[in-house]
PDB file of N, CA and C in Angstrom:
ATOM      1  N   MET A   1     106.540  71.637  72.661  1.00  0.00           N
ATOM      2  CA  MET A   1     105.120  71.917  72.765  1.00  0.00           C
ATOM      3  C   MET A   1     104.510  71.955  71.374  1.00  0.00           C
ATOM      4  N   SER A   2     103.317  71.433  71.293  1.00  0.00           N
ATOM      5  CA  SER A   2     102.626  71.461  70.016  1.00  0.00           C
ATOM      6  C   SER A   2     101.901  72.795  69.849  1.00  0.00           C
ATOM      7  N   THR A   3     101.405  73.024  68.663  1.00  0.00           N
ATOM      8  CA  THR A   3     100.696  74.272  68.373  1.00  0.00           C
ATOM      9  C   THR A   3      99.427  74.388  69.215  1.00  0.00           C
ATOM     10  N   GLY A   4      98.744  73.274  69.414  1.00  0.00           N
ATOM     11  CA  GLY A   4      97.527  73.295  70.223  1.00  0.00           C
ATOM     12  C   GLY A   4      97.808  73.675  71.666  1.00  0.00           C
ATOM     13  N   GLN A   5      98.890  73.136  72.214  1.00  0.00           N
ATOM     14  CA  GLN A   5      99.248  73.471  73.590  1.00  0.00           C
ATOM     15  C   GLN A   5      99.633  74.941  73.720  1.00  0.00           C
ATOM     16  N   LEU A   6     100.338  75.457  72.733  1.00  0.00           N
ATOM     17  CA  LEU A   6     100.699  76.872  72.757  1.00  0.00           C
ATOM     18  C   LEU A   6      99.465  77.763  72.662  1.00  0.00           C
ATOM     19  N   LEU A   7      98.512  77.364  71.840  1.00  0.00           N
ATOM     20  CA  LEU A   7      97.280  78.129  71.696  1.00  0.00           C
ATOM     21  C   LEU A   7      96.499  78.147  73.009  1.00  0.00           C
ATOM     22  N   VAL A   8      96.383  77.003  73.662  1.00  0.00           N
ATOM     23  CA  VAL A   8      95.664  76.925  74.934  1.00  0.00           C
ATOM     24  C   VAL A   8      96.378  77.758  75.990  1.00  0.00           C
ATOM     25  N   ALA A   9      97.701  77.683  76.050  1.00  0.00           N
ATOM     26  CA  ALA A   9      98.460  78.476  77.014  1.00  0.00           C
ATOM     27  C   ALA A   9      98.279  79.971  76.748  1.00  0.00           C
ATOM     28  N   ALA A  10      98.262  80.355  75.479  1.00  0.00           N
ATOM     29  CA  ALA A  10      98.059  81.765  75.129  1.00  0.00           C
ATOM     30  C   ALA A  10      96.657  82.231  75.525  1.00  0.00           C
ATOM     31  N   LEU A  11      95.649  81.405  75.299  1.00  0.00           N
ATOM     32  CA  LEU A  11      94.286  81.771  75.658  1.00  0.00           C
ATOM     33  C   LEU A  11      94.114  81.879  77.174  1.00  0.00           C
ATOM     34  N   PHE A  12      94.733  80.976  77.920  1.00  0.00           N
ATOM     35  CA  PHE A  12      94.680  81.083  79.376  1.00  0.00           C
ATOM     36  C   PHE A  12      95.386  82.351  79.848  1.00  0.00           C
ATOM     37  N   SER A  13      96.478  82.711  79.209  1.00  0.00           N
ATOM     38  CA  SER A  13      97.190  83.937  79.571  1.00  0.00           C
ATOM     39  C   SER A  13      96.338  85.172  79.293  1.00  0.00           C
ATOM     40  N   VAL A  14      95.656  85.182  78.164  1.00  0.00           N
ATOM     41  CA  VAL A  14      94.767  86.297  77.828  1.00  0.00           C
ATOM     42  C   VAL A  14      93.624  86.385  78.838  1.00  0.00           C
ATOM     43  N   ALA A  15      93.030  85.237  79.182  1.00  0.00           N
ATOM     44  CA  ALA A  15      91.935  85.224  80.153  1.00  0.00           C
ATOM     45  C   ALA A  15      92.415  85.721  81.522  1.00  0.00           C
ATOM     46  N   LEU A  16      93.597  85.313  81.943  1.00  0.00           N
ATOM     47  CA  LEU A  16      94.146  85.769  83.214  1.00  0.00           C
ATOM     48  C   LEU A  16      94.413  87.269  83.191  1.00  0.00           C
ATOM     49  N   GLY A  17      94.920  87.777  82.065  1.00  0.00           N
ATOM     50  CA  GLY A  17      95.150  89.215  81.926  1.00  0.00           C
ATOM     51  C   GLY A  17      93.854  90.009  81.973  1.00  0.00           C
ATOM     52  N   LEU A  18      92.818  89.526  81.303  1.00  0.00           N
ATOM     53  CA  LEU A  18      91.520  90.201  81.343  1.00  0.00           C
ATOM     54  C   LEU A  18      90.925  90.170  82.746  1.00  0.00           C
ATOM     55  N   PHE A  19      91.071  89.049  83.426  1.00  0.00           N
ATOM     56  CA  PHE A  19      90.585  88.935  84.794  1.00  0.00           C
ATOM     57  C   PHE A  19      91.285  89.947  85.694  1.00  0.00           C
ATOM     58  N   ALA A  20      92.607  90.053  85.544  1.00  0.00           N
ATOM     59  CA  ALA A  20      93.372  91.014  86.349  1.00  0.00           C
ATOM     60  C   ALA A  20      92.954  92.446  86.027  1.00  0.00           C
ATOM     61  N   ALA A  21      92.717  92.741  84.748  1.00  0.00           N
ATOM     62  CA  ALA A  21      92.314  94.094  84.358  1.00  0.00           C
ATOM     63  C   ALA A  21      90.952  94.457  84.947  1.00  0.00           C
ATOM     64  N   VAL A  22      90.011  93.523  84.929  1.00  0.00           N
ATOM     65  CA  VAL A  22      88.686  93.785  85.508  1.00  0.00           C
ATOM     66  C   VAL A  22      88.806  93.989  87.019  1.00  0.00           C
ATOM     67  N   GLU A  23      89.655  93.211  87.679  1.00  0.00           N
ATOM     68  CA  GLU A  23      89.836  93.363  89.123  1.00  0.00           C
ATOM     69  C   GLU A  23      90.456  94.722  89.459  1.00  0.00           C
ATOM     70  N   ILE A  24      91.402  95.167  88.648  1.00  0.00           N
ATOM     71  CA  ILE A  24      92.017  96.485  88.874  1.00  0.00           C
ATOM     72  C   ILE A  24      90.980  97.589  88.693  1.00  0.00           C
ATOM     73  N   VAL A  25      90.170  97.479  87.655  1.00  0.00           N
ATOM     74  CA  VAL A  25      89.116  98.473  87.423  1.00  0.00           C
ATOM     75  C   VAL A  25      88.095  98.446  88.561  1.00  0.00           C
ATOM     76  N   ALA A  26      87.785  97.243  89.075  1.00  0.00           N
ATOM     77  CA  ALA A  26      86.800  97.120  90.155  1.00  0.00           C
ATOM     78  C   ALA A  26      87.291  97.766  91.445  1.00  0.00           C
ATOM     79  N   ARG A  27      88.575  97.837  91.648  1.00  0.00           N
ATOM     80  CA  ARG A  27      89.123  98.383  92.893  1.00  0.00           C
ATOM     81  C   ARG A  27      89.356  99.892  92.847  1.00  0.00           C
ATOM     82  N   ARG A  28      89.053 100.524  91.733  1.00  0.00           N
ATOM     83  CA  ARG A  28      89.183 101.985  91.667  1.00  0.00           C
ATOM     84  C   ARG A  28      88.107 102.643  92.513  1.00  0.00           C
ATOM     85  N   GLU A  29      88.382 103.868  92.909  1.00  0.00           N
ATOM     86  CA  GLU A  29      87.429 104.653  93.704  1.00  0.00           C
ATOM     87  C   GLU A  29      86.161 104.921  92.890  1.00  0.00           C
ATOM     88  N   GLY A  30      85.006 104.613  93.447  1.00  0.00           N
ATOM     89  CA  GLY A  30      83.734 104.898  92.804  1.00  0.00           C
ATOM     90  C   GLY A  30      83.325 103.916  91.718  1.00  0.00           C
ATOM     91  N   SER A  31      84.017 102.792  91.587  1.00  0.00           N
ATOM     92  CA  SER A  31      83.683 101.821  90.551  1.00  0.00           C
ATOM     93  C   SER A  31      82.403 101.073  90.910  1.00  0.00           C
ATOM     94  N   ARG A  32      81.582 100.801  89.917  1.00  0.00           N
ATOM     95  CA  ARG A  32      80.345 100.052  90.134  1.00  0.00           C
ATOM     96  C   ARG A  32      80.531  98.564  89.865  1.00  0.00           C
ATOM     97  N   ILE A  33      81.709  98.164  89.432  1.00  0.00           N
ATOM     98  CA  ILE A  33      82.010  96.759  89.164  1.00  0.00           C
ATOM     99  C   ILE A  33      82.437  96.100  90.479  1.00  0.00           C
ATOM    100  N   PRO A  34      81.819  94.991  90.866  1.00  0.00           N
ATOM    101  CA  PRO A  34      82.211  94.352  92.124  1.00  0.00           C
ATOM    102  C   PRO A  34      83.561  93.646  91.993  1.00  0.00           C
ATOM    103  N   SER A  35      84.334  93.666  93.072  1.00  0.00           N
ATOM    104  CA  SER A  35      85.613  92.966  93.070  1.00  0.00           C
ATOM    105  C   SER A  35      85.372  91.476  93.314  1.00  0.00           C
ATOM    106  N   LEU A  36      86.420  90.682  93.157  1.00  0.00           N
ATOM    107  CA  LEU A  36      86.297  89.242  93.379  1.00  0.00           C
ATOM    108  C   LEU A  36      85.885  88.949  94.820  1.00  0.00           C
ATOM    109  N   GLY A  37      86.417  89.701  95.764  1.00  0.00           N
ATOM    110  CA  GLY A  37      86.043  89.512  97.167  1.00  0.00           C
ATOM    111  C   GLY A  37      84.573  89.783  97.414  1.00  0.00           C
ATOM    112  N   ASP A  38      84.035  90.810  96.768  1.00  0.00           N
ATOM    113  CA  ASP A  38      82.608  91.113  96.903  1.00  0.00           C
ATOM    114  C   ASP A  38      81.746  89.989  96.334  1.00  0.00           C
ATOM    115  N   VAL A  39      82.129  89.482  95.180  1.00  0.00           N
ATOM    116  CA  VAL A  39      81.365  88.401  94.541  1.00  0.00           C
ATOM    117  C   VAL A  39      81.411  87.142  95.404  1.00  0.00           C
ATOM    118  N   CYS A  40      82.604  86.810  95.924  1.00  0.00           N
ATOM    119  CA  CYS A  40      82.726  85.634  96.788  1.00  0.00           C
ATOM    120  C   CYS A  40      81.901  85.800  98.058  1.00  0.00           C
ATOM    121  N   GLY A  41      81.854  87.009  98.603  1.00  0.00           N
ATOM    122  CA  GLY A  41      81.055  87.257  99.798  1.00  0.00           C
ATOM    123  C   GLY A  41      79.580  87.031  99.557  1.00  0.00           C
ATOM    124  N   VAL A  42      79.081  87.465  98.420  1.00  0.00           N
ATOM    125  CA  VAL A  42      77.668  87.265  98.086  1.00  0.00           C
ATOM    126  C   VAL A  42      77.383  85.778  97.894  1.00  0.00           C
ATOM    127  N   VAL A  43      78.271  85.082  97.195  1.00  0.00           N
ATOM    128  CA  VAL A  43      78.071  83.649  96.963  1.00  0.00           C
ATOM    129  C   VAL A  43      78.108  82.884  98.281  1.00  0.00           C
ATOM    130  N   MET A  44      79.028  83.235  99.169  1.00  0.00           N
ATOM    131  CA  MET A  44      79.166  82.520 100.439  1.00  0.00           C
ATOM    132  C   MET A  44      77.950  82.717 101.349  1.00  0.00           C
ATOM    133  N   ARG A  45      77.224  83.803 101.199  1.00  0.00           N
ATOM    134  CA  ARG A  45      76.040  84.041 102.031  1.00  0.00           C
ATOM    135  C   ARG A  45      74.792  83.348 101.506  1.00  0.00           C
ATOM    136  N   TYR A  46      74.822  82.805 100.290  1.00  0.00           N
ATOM    137  CA  TYR A  46      73.640  82.205  99.678  1.00  0.00           C
ATOM    138  C   TYR A  46      73.267  80.923 100.403  1.00  0.00           C
ATOM    139  N   ARG A  47      72.006  80.851 100.816  1.00  0.00           N
ATOM    140  CA  ARG A  47      71.493  79.685 101.528  1.00  0.00           C
ATOM    141  C   ARG A  47      70.152  79.276 100.939  1.00  0.00           C
ATOM    142  N   VAL A  48      69.857  77.998 100.988  1.00  0.00           N
ATOM    143  CA  VAL A  48      68.541  77.477 100.646  1.00  0.00           C
ATOM    144  C   VAL A  48      68.044  76.757 101.890  1.00  0.00           C
ATOM    145  N   GLY A  49      67.196  77.447 102.649  1.00  0.00           N
ATOM    146  CA  GLY A  49      66.769  76.910 103.935  1.00  0.00           C
ATOM    147  C   GLY A  49      67.972  76.840 104.860  1.00  0.00           C
ATOM    148  N   PRO A  50      68.172  75.702 105.518  1.00  0.00           N
ATOM    149  CA  PRO A  50      69.326  75.588 106.424  1.00  0.00           C
ATOM    150  C   PRO A  50      70.623  75.191 105.709  1.00  0.00           C
ATOM    151  N   LEU A  51      70.553  74.902 104.405  1.00  0.00           N
ATOM    152  CA  LEU A  51      71.706  74.399 103.659  1.00  0.00           C
ATOM    153  C   LEU A  51      72.527  75.558 103.081  1.00  0.00           C
ATOM    154  N   PRO A  52      73.819  75.674 103.442  1.00  0.00           N
ATOM    155  CA  PRO A  52      74.661  76.762 102.909  1.00  0.00           C
ATOM    156  C   PRO A  52      75.162  76.426 101.496  1.00  0.00           C
ATOM    157  N   VAL A  53      74.305  76.598 100.510  1.00  0.00           N
ATOM    158  CA  VAL A  53      74.601  76.206  99.137  1.00  0.00           C
ATOM    159  C   VAL A  53      75.814  76.956  98.585  1.00  0.00           C
ATOM    160  N   GLY A  54      75.937  78.231  98.925  1.00  0.00           N
ATOM    161  CA  GLY A  54      77.058  79.012  98.435  1.00  0.00           C
ATOM    162  C   GLY A  54      78.394  78.495  98.927  1.00  0.00           C
ATOM    163  N   ARG A  55      78.458  78.124 100.198  1.00  0.00           N
ATOM    164  CA  ARG A  55      79.704  77.580 100.744  1.00  0.00           C
ATOM    165  C   ARG A  55      80.039  76.236 100.114  1.00  0.00           C
ATOM    166  N   ILE A  56      79.033  75.414  99.874  1.00  0.00           N
ATOM    167  CA  ILE A  56      79.246  74.126  99.230  1.00  0.00           C
ATOM    168  C   ILE A  56      79.745  74.340  97.805  1.00  0.00           C
ATOM    169  N   ALA A  57      79.170  75.318  97.097  1.00  0.00           N
ATOM    170  CA  ALA A  57      79.604  75.608  95.725  1.00  0.00           C
ATOM    171  C   ALA A  57      81.048  76.107  95.702  1.00  0.00           C
ATOM    172  N   MET A  58      81.419  76.983  96.644  1.00  0.00           N
ATOM    173  CA  MET A  58      82.801  77.470  96.697  1.00  0.00           C
ATOM    174  C   MET A  58      83.773  76.330  97.004  1.00  0.00           C
ATOM    175  N   PHE A  59      83.396  75.463  97.936  1.00  0.00           N
ATOM    176  CA  PHE A  59      84.235  74.310  98.256  1.00  0.00           C
ATOM    177  C   PHE A  59      84.411  73.427  97.021  1.00  0.00           C
ATOM    178  N   GLY A  60      83.303  73.175  96.313  1.00  0.00           N
ATOM    179  CA  GLY A  60      83.375  72.356  95.101  1.00  0.00           C
ATOM    180  C   GLY A  60      84.233  72.989  94.023  1.00  0.00           C
ATOM    181  N   PHE A  61      84.135  74.309  93.884  1.00  0.00           N
ATOM    182  CA  PHE A  61      84.950  75.000  92.882  1.00  0.00           C
ATOM    183  C   PHE A  61      86.431  74.871  93.212  1.00  0.00           C
ATOM    184  N   TRP A  62      86.824  75.116  94.462  1.00  0.00           N
ATOM    185  CA  TRP A  62      88.241  75.016  94.832  1.00  0.00           C
ATOM    186  C   TRP A  62      88.735  73.581  94.740  1.00  0.00           C
ATOM    187  N   TRP A  63      87.876  72.639  95.056  1.00  0.00           N
ATOM    188  CA  TRP A  63      88.246  71.227  94.928  1.00  0.00           C
ATOM    189  C   TRP A  63      88.506  70.903  93.453  1.00  0.00           C
ATOM    190  N   TRP A  64      87.601  71.336  92.573  1.00  0.00           N
ATOM    191  CA  TRP A  64      87.768  71.098  91.139  1.00  0.00           C
ATOM    192  C   TRP A  64      89.050  71.751  90.635  1.00  0.00           C
ATOM    193  N   LEU A  65      89.288  73.006  91.035  1.00  0.00           N
ATOM    194  CA  LEU A  65      90.470  73.733  90.595  1.00  0.00           C
ATOM    195  C   LEU A  65      91.747  73.020  91.046  1.00  0.00           C
ATOM    196  N   GLY A  66      91.787  72.616  92.301  1.00  0.00           N
ATOM    197  CA  GLY A  66      92.958  71.907  92.801  1.00  0.00           C
ATOM    198  C   GLY A  66      93.158  70.567  92.124  1.00  0.00           C
ATOM    199  N   TRP A  67      92.078  69.868  91.878  1.00  0.00           N
ATOM    200  CA  TRP A  67      92.177  68.560  91.236  1.00  0.00           C
ATOM    201  C   TRP A  67      92.739  68.696  89.820  1.00  0.00           C
ATOM    202  N   HIS A  68      92.313  69.715  89.104  1.00  0.00           N
ATOM    203  CA  HIS A  68      92.744  69.843  87.713  1.00  0.00           C
ATOM    204  C   HIS A  68      94.125  70.468  87.551  1.00  0.00           C
ATOM    205  N   PHE A  69      94.525  71.312  88.463  1.00  0.00           N
ATOM    206  CA  PHE A  69      95.785  72.015  88.273  1.00  0.00           C
ATOM    207  C   PHE A  69      96.884  71.551  89.227  1.00  0.00           C
ATOM    208  N   LEU A  70      96.552  70.943  90.351  1.00  0.00           N
ATOM    209  CA  LEU A  70      97.570  70.568  91.314  1.00  0.00           C
ATOM    210  C   LEU A  70      97.774  69.061  91.425  1.00  0.00           C
ATOM    211  N   ALA A  71      96.837  68.254  90.971  1.00  0.00           N
ATOM    212  CA  ALA A  71      96.929  66.812  91.144  1.00  0.00           C
ATOM    213  C   ALA A  71      97.708  66.109  90.034  1.00  0.00           C
ATOM    214  N   ARG A  72      98.191  66.851  89.083  1.00  0.00           N
ATOM    215  CA  ARG A  72      98.894  66.204  87.967  1.00  0.00           C
ATOM    216  C   ARG A  72     100.351  66.124  88.209  1.00  0.00           C
TER     217      ARG A  72
END
């Protein structure tokens, strides 16, 4: 592995750790920080007229994530 690849892997690890820490804090009793499930629920309910924009955005996000991390 090159130095650049190690740096990117380290940064992704730090980001994943911070994400996990925020989720743990969000799940404590009385926390005002929304959990990932709460955020996804709000996004999934978003509509513009009859078009479920939030569901389309979530589908697009998972498609992008799968394409970049699973299709290689």
